[in-house]
């Protein structure tokens, strides 16, 4: 194209091209690439949120596990104390 020509002056089929947000002409291959990149970015963001949810759940499970270990220790201590106290009274 020379400097005086416009898109409408050219032989470009307008149905094969789209405009991006900056009003630039995007050819079909670039449009497909852009859509694929957008899809991949959205997929990565979804996976990131899934990972964050998983990590949060894992932290909750670990906290509960520590709590249960502490309760089991207390229960064993109480049981041992009760057995020693019950054996001396007999």
N, C-alpha and C. Protein backbone atom coordinates (compact mmCIF):
# COMPACT_ATOMS: atom_id res chain seq x y z
N UNK A 1 0.83 -1.17 0.00
CA UNK A 1 0.00 0.00 0.00
C UNK A 1 0.88 1.24 0.00
N UNK A 2 0.48 2.23 -0.77
CA UNK A 2 1.21 3.49 -0.73
C UNK A 2 0.64 4.34 0.39
N UNK A 3 1.29 5.46 0.68
CA UNK A 3 0.89 6.25 1.83
C UNK A 3 -0.50 6.86 1.68
N UNK A 4 -1.01 6.98 0.47
CA UNK A 4 -2.33 7.57 0.28
C UNK A 4 -3.44 6.55 0.27
N UNK A 5 -3.13 5.27 0.25
CA UNK A 5 -4.18 4.27 0.16
C UNK A 5 -4.73 3.93 1.54
N UNK A 6 -5.94 3.40 1.58
CA UNK A 6 -6.55 2.98 2.83
C UNK A 6 -6.94 1.52 2.70
N UNK A 7 -7.40 0.96 3.79
CA UNK A 7 -7.80 -0.44 3.77
C UNK A 7 -8.94 -0.64 2.78
N UNK A 8 -9.86 0.30 2.74
CA UNK A 8 -10.99 0.15 1.83
C UNK A 8 -10.56 0.25 0.37
N UNK A 9 -9.40 0.89 0.11
CA UNK A 9 -8.88 0.99 -1.26
C UNK A 9 -8.20 -0.30 -1.69
N UNK A 10 -7.80 -1.12 -0.74
CA UNK A 10 -7.05 -2.32 -1.06
C UNK A 10 -7.99 -3.45 -1.45
N UNK A 11 -7.42 -4.58 -1.81
CA UNK A 11 -8.19 -5.75 -2.20
C UNK A 11 -8.40 -6.71 -1.03
N UNK A 12 -8.28 -6.23 0.19
CA UNK A 12 -8.41 -7.07 1.38
C UNK A 12 -9.89 -7.37 1.61
N UNK A 13 -10.20 -8.63 1.82
CA UNK A 13 -11.58 -9.04 2.13
C UNK A 13 -11.84 -8.69 3.60
N UNK A 14 -12.76 -7.76 3.84
CA UNK A 14 -12.98 -7.29 5.21
C UNK A 14 -13.52 -8.38 6.13
N UNK A 15 -14.11 -9.43 5.62
CA UNK A 15 -14.62 -10.50 6.46
C UNK A 15 -13.49 -11.35 7.04
N UNK A 16 -12.31 -11.29 6.43
CA UNK A 16 -11.19 -12.10 6.90
C UNK A 16 -10.36 -11.40 7.96
N UNK A 17 -10.64 -10.16 8.23
CA UNK A 17 -9.86 -9.40 9.19
C UNK A 17 -10.77 -8.83 10.27
N UNK A 18 -10.21 -8.68 11.46
CA UNK A 18 -10.95 -8.06 12.55
C UNK A 18 -10.13 -6.91 13.09
N UNK A 19 -10.73 -6.12 13.94
CA UNK A 19 -10.03 -5.00 14.54
C UNK A 19 -9.81 -5.31 16.02
N UNK A 20 -8.63 -4.95 16.52
CA UNK A 20 -8.42 -5.13 17.96
C UNK A 20 -8.82 -3.85 18.69
N UNK A 21 -8.59 -3.79 20.00
CA UNK A 21 -9.02 -2.65 20.80
C UNK A 21 -8.34 -1.36 20.38
N UNK A 22 -7.15 -1.44 19.79
CA UNK A 22 -6.43 -0.26 19.34
C UNK A 22 -6.78 0.11 17.91
N UNK A 23 -7.83 -0.54 17.37
CA UNK A 23 -8.29 -0.29 16.01
C UNK A 23 -7.26 -0.66 14.95
N UNK A 24 -6.46 -1.67 15.23
CA UNK A 24 -5.51 -2.19 14.26
C UNK A 24 -6.13 -3.41 13.60
N UNK A 25 -5.79 -3.61 12.34
CA UNK A 25 -6.30 -4.77 11.62
C UNK A 25 -5.55 -6.02 12.08
N UNK A 26 -6.30 -7.07 12.41
CA UNK A 26 -5.70 -8.33 12.84
C UNK A 26 -6.06 -9.39 11.81
N UNK A 27 -5.04 -10.04 11.26
CA UNK A 27 -5.31 -11.09 10.28
C UNK A 27 -5.85 -12.33 10.99
N UNK A 28 -6.50 -13.23 10.27
CA UNK A 28 -7.12 -14.41 10.90
C UNK A 28 -6.14 -15.27 11.70
N UNK A 29 -4.93 -15.45 11.21
CA UNK A 29 -3.95 -16.26 11.95
C UNK A 29 -3.59 -15.61 13.27
N UNK A 30 -3.42 -14.29 13.25
CA UNK A 30 -3.11 -13.58 14.49
C UNK A 30 -4.28 -13.64 15.45
N UNK A 31 -5.49 -13.59 14.91
CA UNK A 31 -6.69 -13.67 15.74
C UNK A 31 -6.75 -15.03 16.43
N UNK A 32 -6.45 -16.09 15.69
CA UNK A 32 -6.45 -17.44 16.27
C UNK A 32 -5.37 -17.54 17.35
N UNK A 33 -4.20 -16.99 17.09
CA UNK A 33 -3.12 -17.01 18.09
C UNK A 33 -3.54 -16.23 19.33
N UNK A 34 -4.15 -15.08 19.13
CA UNK A 34 -4.60 -14.26 20.26
C UNK A 34 -5.65 -14.99 21.09
N UNK A 35 -6.61 -15.64 20.43
CA UNK A 35 -7.63 -16.40 21.14
C UNK A 35 -7.01 -17.57 21.90
N UNK A 36 -6.03 -18.23 21.30
CA UNK A 36 -5.36 -19.36 21.96
C UNK A 36 -4.58 -18.87 23.18
N UNK A 37 -3.88 -17.74 23.04
CA UNK A 37 -3.15 -17.18 24.18
C UNK A 37 -4.11 -16.81 25.30
N UNK A 38 -5.23 -16.19 24.93
CA UNK A 38 -6.22 -15.81 25.93
C UNK A 38 -6.77 -17.04 26.63
N UNK A 39 -7.06 -18.09 25.88
CA UNK A 39 -7.57 -19.33 26.46
C UNK A 39 -6.55 -19.93 27.43
N UNK A 40 -5.28 -19.93 27.02
CA UNK A 40 -4.23 -20.50 27.86
C UNK A 40 -4.02 -19.68 29.14
N UNK A 41 -4.08 -18.36 29.01
CA UNK A 41 -3.94 -17.50 30.19
C UNK A 41 -5.07 -17.77 31.17
N UNK A 42 -6.29 -17.87 30.64
CA UNK A 42 -7.44 -18.16 31.52
C UNK A 42 -7.30 -19.52 32.18
N UNK A 43 -6.78 -20.48 31.44
CA UNK A 43 -6.59 -21.82 32.00
C UNK A 43 -5.53 -21.79 33.11
N UNK A 44 -4.45 -21.05 32.90
CA UNK A 44 -3.40 -20.93 33.92
C UNK A 44 -3.97 -20.26 35.18
N UNK A 45 -4.77 -19.21 34.99
CA UNK A 45 -5.37 -18.53 36.14
C UNK A 45 -6.31 -19.46 36.90
N UNK A 46 -7.07 -20.26 36.19
CA UNK A 46 -7.96 -21.22 36.84
C UNK A 46 -7.16 -22.26 37.62
N UNK A 47 -6.07 -22.73 37.03
CA UNK A 47 -5.21 -23.70 37.72
C UNK A 47 -4.56 -23.08 38.95
N UNK A 48 -4.19 -21.81 38.84
CA UNK A 48 -3.59 -21.12 39.98
C UNK A 48 -4.60 -21.04 41.13
N UNK A 49 -5.84 -20.71 40.82
CA UNK A 49 -6.87 -20.65 41.88
C UNK A 49 -7.12 -22.03 42.47
N UNK A 50 -7.12 -23.04 41.62
CA UNK A 50 -7.30 -24.41 42.10
C UNK A 50 -6.17 -24.80 43.04
N UNK A 51 -4.94 -24.43 42.67
CA UNK A 51 -3.78 -24.73 43.51
C UNK A 51 -3.88 -23.99 44.84
N UNK A 52 -4.29 -22.73 44.80
CA UNK A 52 -4.44 -21.97 46.04
C UNK A 52 -5.49 -22.61 46.95
N UNK A 53 -6.60 -23.08 46.36
CA UNK A 53 -7.63 -23.76 47.15
C UNK A 53 -7.09 -25.05 47.75
N UNK A 54 -6.32 -25.79 46.95
CA UNK A 54 -5.73 -27.04 47.43
C UNK A 54 -4.77 -26.79 48.59
N UNK A 55 -3.92 -25.79 48.46
CA UNK A 55 -2.95 -25.46 49.50
C UNK A 55 -3.69 -25.05 50.78
N UNK A 56 -4.74 -24.29 50.64
CA UNK A 56 -5.53 -23.88 51.80
C UNK A 56 -6.14 -25.09 52.50
N UNK A 57 -6.70 -26.00 51.71
CA UNK A 57 -7.27 -27.23 52.28
C UNK A 57 -6.20 -28.07 52.95
N UNK A 58 -5.04 -28.15 52.35
CA UNK A 58 -3.94 -28.92 52.91
C UNK A 58 -3.52 -28.34 54.26
N UNK A 59 -3.45 -27.03 54.36
CA UNK A 59 -3.09 -26.39 55.64
C UNK A 59 -4.13 -26.71 56.71
N UNK A 60 -5.41 -26.71 56.33
CA UNK A 60 -6.45 -27.07 57.29
C UNK A 60 -6.30 -28.50 57.77
N UNK A 61 -6.03 -29.42 56.86
CA UNK A 61 -5.86 -30.83 57.21
C UNK A 61 -4.65 -31.01 58.12
N UNK A 62 -3.56 -30.32 57.81
CA UNK A 62 -2.36 -30.42 58.65
C UNK A 62 -2.62 -29.88 60.05
N UNK A 63 -3.36 -28.78 60.14
CA UNK A 63 -3.69 -28.22 61.45
C UNK A 63 -4.54 -29.19 62.26
N UNK A 64 -5.53 -29.80 61.60
CA UNK A 64 -6.37 -30.78 62.29
C UNK A 64 -5.56 -32.01 62.70
N UNK A 65 -4.62 -32.40 61.88
CA UNK A 65 -3.78 -33.55 62.21
C UNK A 65 -2.95 -33.28 63.46
N UNK A 66 -2.38 -32.09 63.54
CA UNK A 66 -1.60 -31.72 64.73
C UNK A 66 -2.49 -31.70 65.96
N UNK A 67 -3.70 -31.15 65.82
CA UNK A 67 -4.63 -31.12 66.94
C UNK A 67 -5.00 -32.52 67.40
N UNK A 68 -5.26 -33.41 66.46
CA UNK A 68 -5.59 -34.79 66.82
C UNK A 68 -4.42 -35.50 67.50
N UNK A 69 -3.22 -35.24 67.05
CA UNK A 69 -2.04 -35.83 67.70
C UNK A 69 -1.94 -35.35 69.14
N UNK A 70 -2.19 -34.06 69.36
CA UNK A 70 -2.13 -33.51 70.71
C UNK A 70 -3.22 -34.13 71.58
N UNK A 71 -4.42 -34.29 71.04
CA UNK A 71 -5.51 -34.91 71.80
C UNK A 71 -5.19 -36.35 72.14
N UNK A 72 -4.63 -37.08 71.20
CA UNK A 72 -4.25 -38.48 71.46
C UNK A 72 -3.19 -38.56 72.56
N UNK A 73 -2.25 -37.66 72.54
CA UNK A 73 -1.21 -37.63 73.58
C UNK A 73 -1.84 -37.36 74.95
N UNK A 74 -2.76 -36.40 74.99
CA UNK A 74 -3.44 -36.09 76.25
C UNK A 74 -4.25 -37.29 76.73
N UNK A 75 -4.93 -37.93 75.81
CA UNK A 75 -5.76 -39.09 76.18
C UNK A 75 -4.88 -40.21 76.73
N UNK A 76 -3.74 -40.46 76.11
CA UNK A 76 -2.83 -41.51 76.61
C UNK A 76 -2.30 -41.14 77.99
N UNK A 77 -1.99 -39.88 78.20
CA UNK A 77 -1.48 -39.43 79.50
C UNK A 77 -2.54 -39.62 80.57
N UNK A 78 -3.76 -39.24 80.26
CA UNK A 78 -4.86 -39.39 81.22
C UNK A 78 -5.10 -40.87 81.52
N UNK A 79 -5.06 -41.70 80.49
CA UNK A 79 -5.29 -43.13 80.66
C UNK A 79 -4.20 -43.75 81.53
N UNK A 80 -2.95 -43.38 81.26
CA UNK A 80 -1.83 -43.92 82.06
C UNK A 80 -1.95 -43.46 83.52
N UNK A 81 -2.31 -42.22 83.73
CA UNK A 81 -2.46 -41.68 85.08
C UNK A 81 -3.60 -42.40 85.80
N UNK A 82 -4.70 -42.62 85.10
CA UNK A 82 -5.85 -43.30 85.72
C UNK A 82 -5.51 -44.74 86.05
N UNK A 83 -4.75 -45.41 85.18
CA UNK A 83 -4.38 -46.81 85.44
C UNK A 83 -3.44 -46.90 86.64
N UNK A 84 -2.54 -45.97 86.75
CA UNK A 84 -1.62 -45.99 87.90
C UNK A 84 -2.36 -45.68 89.18
N UNK A 85 -3.28 -44.73 89.11
CA UNK A 85 -4.06 -44.38 90.31
C UNK A 85 -5.02 -45.49 90.70
N UNK A 86 -5.58 -46.18 89.74
CA UNK A 86 -6.53 -47.28 90.02
C UNK A 86 -5.83 -48.51 90.55
N UNK A 87 -4.61 -48.74 90.15
CA UNK A 87 -3.86 -49.92 90.59
C UNK A 87 -3.39 -49.76 92.02
N UNK A 88 -3.09 -48.56 92.46
CA UNK A 88 -2.58 -48.34 93.81
C UNK A 88 -3.69 -48.49 94.84
N UNK A 89 -4.91 -48.20 94.46
CA UNK A 89 -6.03 -48.27 95.42
C UNK A 89 -6.48 -49.70 95.69
N UNK A 90 -6.08 -50.63 94.92
CA UNK A 90 -6.53 -52.02 95.09
C UNK A 90 -5.74 -52.77 96.09
